[in-house]
Amino acid sequence: MIKYGEQKEKIINYVMKVAKIIENLNPMLFYVEQDDLEFSFMKALKERNPEWSTGIVDYYTNQGYGKKHNHTGVEGAIKVLEARRNLELEIFDMLKMKKEKINNTKYEIDSYRSMLKDKLTIQMVK
């Protein structure tokens, strides 16, 4: 929602309402994060074709938050992603549900898959 330029309070209220609605389902939230957002974004840009890279940069900078703050180019897209991450982490801390942060900085997919499986198994046993 930050991409669309929605107000912070509106986004927080929306997420908290959804959390309240699903509360009885006993959900578990996994938040995947990176230590260096800029490095991760640049890595994705290098690994994908130029059309995707141009499209994703435009996606973040030519509407809502990016446009409102005059963010342009790759640097602008990163600023939008940083703003989104900051709000996501703020909301994550506010949520009163089972939750876990998963740091994906090392890109070890098999390790993360195993960790997720273990955490979900533990969640199911409780």
Foldseek 3Di string as FASTA:
>chain_A
DQLQQDDLVVVLVVVVVVLVVCVVVQDEAEAEAEPDLLVVLVVVCVVDDVVVNVVLQCSRQVHHNNVVVVQHDSRSSSVSVVVVVVSVVVSVVVRDGHYYYHYCHVVPVVVVVVVVVVVVVVVVVD
